[in-house]
Amino acid sequence: MSDKGVTPPDDFPHGAGNPARGALREAGYTRLAQLTTVTAAEVLALHGVGPKAIRVLREALAAEGLAFAGE
């Protein structure tokens, strides 16, 4: 069975960890670009998101020329 054409549930980097990615989805975020509307502190406050996830997300945002709000 092929998953070709199936949209992934999010585009967050896997290095952020499954708990963090799940917390982001639970909070309504499914795309990295959406994180430009919130601060790193707001994301860090989500249960399941820790400092490593923030670092990985910050790096992924920077690679796209983006940043958390206020950065």
N, C-alpha and C. Protein backbone atom coordinates (compact mmCIF):
# COMPACT_ATOMS: atom_id res chain seq x y z
N MET A 1 0.84 -1.18 0.00
CA MET A 1 0.00 0.00 0.00
C MET A 1 0.89 1.24 0.00
N SER A 2 0.60 2.16 -0.85
CA SER A 2 1.41 3.36 -0.99
C SER A 2 0.76 4.53 -0.26
N ASP A 3 1.62 5.37 0.36
CA ASP A 3 1.09 6.57 1.00
C ASP A 3 1.30 7.78 0.10
N LYS A 4 1.59 7.52 -1.15
CA LYS A 4 1.81 8.59 -2.13
C LYS A 4 0.52 9.41 -2.26
N GLY A 5 0.68 10.74 -2.16
CA GLY A 5 -0.49 11.60 -2.28
C GLY A 5 -1.18 11.87 -0.96
N VAL A 6 -0.76 11.19 0.11
CA VAL A 6 -1.36 11.41 1.41
C VAL A 6 -0.69 12.62 2.05
N THR A 7 -1.49 13.55 2.52
CA THR A 7 -0.96 14.74 3.16
C THR A 7 -0.53 14.39 4.58
N PRO A 8 0.70 14.71 4.95
CA PRO A 8 1.12 14.43 6.32
C PRO A 8 0.32 15.29 7.30
N PRO A 9 0.19 14.84 8.55
CA PRO A 9 -0.60 15.59 9.51
C PRO A 9 0.03 16.93 9.88
N ASP A 10 1.33 17.09 9.65
CA ASP A 10 2.01 18.35 9.91
C ASP A 10 3.31 18.38 9.14
N ASP A 11 3.97 19.54 9.14
CA ASP A 11 5.27 19.64 8.46
C ASP A 11 6.38 20.02 9.45
N PHE A 12 6.17 19.70 10.72
CA PHE A 12 7.18 19.98 11.73
C PHE A 12 8.33 18.99 11.63
N PRO A 13 9.53 19.42 11.94
CA PRO A 13 10.67 18.50 11.86
C PRO A 13 10.54 17.37 12.88
N HIS A 14 10.89 16.17 12.47
CA HIS A 14 10.79 15.02 13.36
C HIS A 14 11.70 15.16 14.57
N GLY A 15 12.78 15.92 14.43
CA GLY A 15 13.71 16.13 15.54
C GLY A 15 13.07 16.84 16.73
N ALA A 16 11.93 17.47 16.52
CA ALA A 16 11.22 18.14 17.61
C ALA A 16 10.63 17.13 18.58
N GLY A 17 10.45 15.90 18.13
CA GLY A 17 9.91 14.84 18.98
C GLY A 17 8.40 14.70 18.82
N ASN A 18 7.95 13.48 18.98
CA ASN A 18 6.51 13.21 18.82
C ASN A 18 5.65 13.91 19.86
N PRO A 19 6.06 13.97 21.15
CA PRO A 19 5.21 14.68 22.11
C PRO A 19 5.01 16.16 21.73
N ALA A 20 6.07 16.81 21.28
CA ALA A 20 5.96 18.22 20.90
C ALA A 20 5.10 18.37 19.65
N ARG A 21 5.33 17.52 18.68
CA ARG A 21 4.53 17.61 17.45
C ARG A 21 3.06 17.36 17.75
N GLY A 22 2.79 16.41 18.63
CA GLY A 22 1.40 16.14 19.03
C GLY A 22 0.78 17.32 19.76
N ALA A 23 1.57 17.95 20.64
CA ALA A 23 1.08 19.12 21.37
C ALA A 23 0.76 20.27 20.43
N LEU A 24 1.60 20.46 19.43
CA LEU A 24 1.35 21.52 18.46
C LEU A 24 0.07 21.24 17.67
N ARG A 25 -0.10 19.99 17.23
CA ARG A 25 -1.32 19.64 16.50
C ARG A 25 -2.54 19.82 17.40
N GLU A 26 -2.43 19.41 18.65
CA GLU A 26 -3.53 19.53 19.61
C GLU A 26 -3.92 21.00 19.79
N ALA A 27 -2.92 21.89 19.72
CA ALA A 27 -3.17 23.33 19.87
C ALA A 27 -3.66 23.96 18.56
N GLY A 28 -3.75 23.17 17.50
CA GLY A 28 -4.29 23.67 16.24
C GLY A 28 -3.26 24.07 15.20
N TYR A 29 -1.98 23.80 15.48
CA TYR A 29 -0.92 24.14 14.53
C TYR A 29 -0.58 22.90 13.71
N THR A 30 -0.56 23.05 12.40
CA THR A 30 -0.20 21.92 11.53
C THR A 30 0.90 22.28 10.55
N ARG A 31 1.25 23.55 10.48
CA ARG A 31 2.28 23.99 9.54
C ARG A 31 3.29 24.86 10.27
N LEU A 32 4.54 24.67 9.92
CA LEU A 32 5.63 25.42 10.53
C LEU A 32 5.39 26.92 10.44
N ALA A 33 4.91 27.39 9.30
CA ALA A 33 4.68 28.82 9.09
C ALA A 33 3.69 29.40 10.10
N GLN A 34 2.79 28.59 10.62
CA GLN A 34 1.83 29.07 11.60
C GLN A 34 2.51 29.51 12.90
N LEU A 35 3.69 28.99 13.16
CA LEU A 35 4.38 29.31 14.40
C LEU A 35 4.94 30.72 14.40
N THR A 36 4.88 31.41 13.27
CA THR A 36 5.34 32.79 13.21
C THR A 36 4.35 33.73 13.91
N THR A 37 3.18 33.21 14.26
CA THR A 37 2.15 34.03 14.91
C THR A 37 2.19 33.92 16.43
N VAL A 38 3.06 33.05 16.95
CA VAL A 38 3.16 32.86 18.41
C VAL A 38 4.62 32.98 18.83
N THR A 39 4.82 33.30 20.09
CA THR A 39 6.19 33.40 20.61
C THR A 39 6.70 32.02 21.00
N ALA A 40 8.01 31.91 21.10
CA ALA A 40 8.61 30.66 21.54
C ALA A 40 8.12 30.32 22.95
N ALA A 41 7.94 31.34 23.80
CA ALA A 41 7.46 31.11 25.16
C ALA A 41 6.05 30.51 25.17
N GLU A 42 5.20 30.95 24.25
CA GLU A 42 3.85 30.40 24.16
C GLU A 42 3.89 28.93 23.74
N VAL A 43 4.76 28.61 22.80
CA VAL A 43 4.89 27.22 22.35
C VAL A 43 5.49 26.37 23.46
N LEU A 44 6.48 26.91 24.15
CA LEU A 44 7.13 26.19 25.24
C LEU A 44 6.14 25.87 26.36
N ALA A 45 5.11 26.70 26.52
CA ALA A 45 4.11 26.48 27.56
C ALA A 45 3.19 25.29 27.26
N LEU A 46 3.19 24.80 26.04
CA LEU A 46 2.35 23.66 25.68
C LEU A 46 2.92 22.39 26.33
N HIS A 47 2.04 21.60 26.91
CA HIS A 47 2.47 20.34 27.53
C HIS A 47 3.03 19.42 26.46
N GLY A 48 4.27 19.00 26.64
CA GLY A 48 4.92 18.13 25.67
C GLY A 48 6.01 18.83 24.87
N VAL A 49 6.06 20.16 24.99
CA VAL A 49 7.08 20.93 24.27
C VAL A 49 8.15 21.37 25.26
N GLY A 50 9.38 21.01 24.96
CA GLY A 50 10.50 21.38 25.83
C GLY A 50 11.51 22.22 25.09
N PRO A 51 12.60 22.56 25.78
CA PRO A 51 13.64 23.40 25.18
C PRO A 51 14.24 22.83 23.89
N LYS A 52 14.41 21.51 23.83
CA LYS A 52 14.98 20.91 22.62
C LYS A 52 14.04 21.13 21.44
N ALA A 53 12.75 20.94 21.66
CA ALA A 53 11.78 21.14 20.57
C ALA A 53 11.80 22.59 20.10
N ILE A 54 11.91 23.53 21.03
CA ILE A 54 11.97 24.94 20.65
C ILE A 54 13.20 25.20 19.79
N ARG A 55 14.33 24.63 20.18
CA ARG A 55 15.56 24.81 19.42
C ARG A 55 15.41 24.25 18.00
N VAL A 56 14.87 23.03 17.90
CA VAL A 56 14.69 22.39 16.59
C VAL A 56 13.70 23.19 15.74
N LEU A 57 12.61 23.64 16.34
CA LEU A 57 11.62 24.42 15.59
C LEU A 57 12.21 25.76 15.16
N ARG A 58 12.97 26.40 16.04
CA ARG A 58 13.61 27.68 15.71
C ARG A 58 14.56 27.50 14.51
N GLU A 59 15.33 26.42 14.52
CA GLU A 59 16.24 26.15 13.41
C GLU A 59 15.48 25.89 12.12
N ALA A 60 14.38 25.14 12.21
CA ALA A 60 13.57 24.85 11.02
C ALA A 60 12.93 26.12 10.49
N LEU A 61 12.45 26.98 11.37
CA LEU A 61 11.88 28.25 10.95
C LEU A 61 12.95 29.10 10.25
N ALA A 62 14.13 29.19 10.85
CA ALA A 62 15.22 29.98 10.28
C ALA A 62 15.61 29.48 8.89
N ALA A 63 15.59 28.18 8.70
CA ALA A 63 15.94 27.59 7.41
C ALA A 63 14.96 28.03 6.32
N GLU A 64 13.74 28.40 6.74
CA GLU A 64 12.73 28.87 5.80
C GLU A 64 12.66 30.40 5.76
N GLY A 65 13.57 31.05 6.49
CA GLY A 65 13.55 32.51 6.53
C GLY A 65 12.46 33.05 7.45
N LEU A 66 12.03 32.22 8.40
CA LEU A 66 10.95 32.58 9.31
C LEU A 66 11.46 32.60 10.74
N ALA A 67 10.62 33.05 11.67
CA ALA A 67 10.97 33.06 13.08
C ALA A 67 9.69 33.08 13.92
N PHE A 68 9.82 32.69 15.18
CA PHE A 68 8.71 32.84 16.11
C PHE A 68 8.35 34.32 16.19
N ALA A 69 7.15 34.65 16.58
CA ALA A 69 6.72 36.04 16.75
C ALA A 69 7.66 36.74 17.73
N GLY A 70 8.04 37.95 17.42
CA GLY A 70 8.88 38.73 18.30
C GLY A 70 10.37 38.46 18.19
N GLU A 71 10.76 37.57 17.30
CA GLU A 71 12.20 37.24 17.16
C GLU A 71 12.75 37.83 15.88
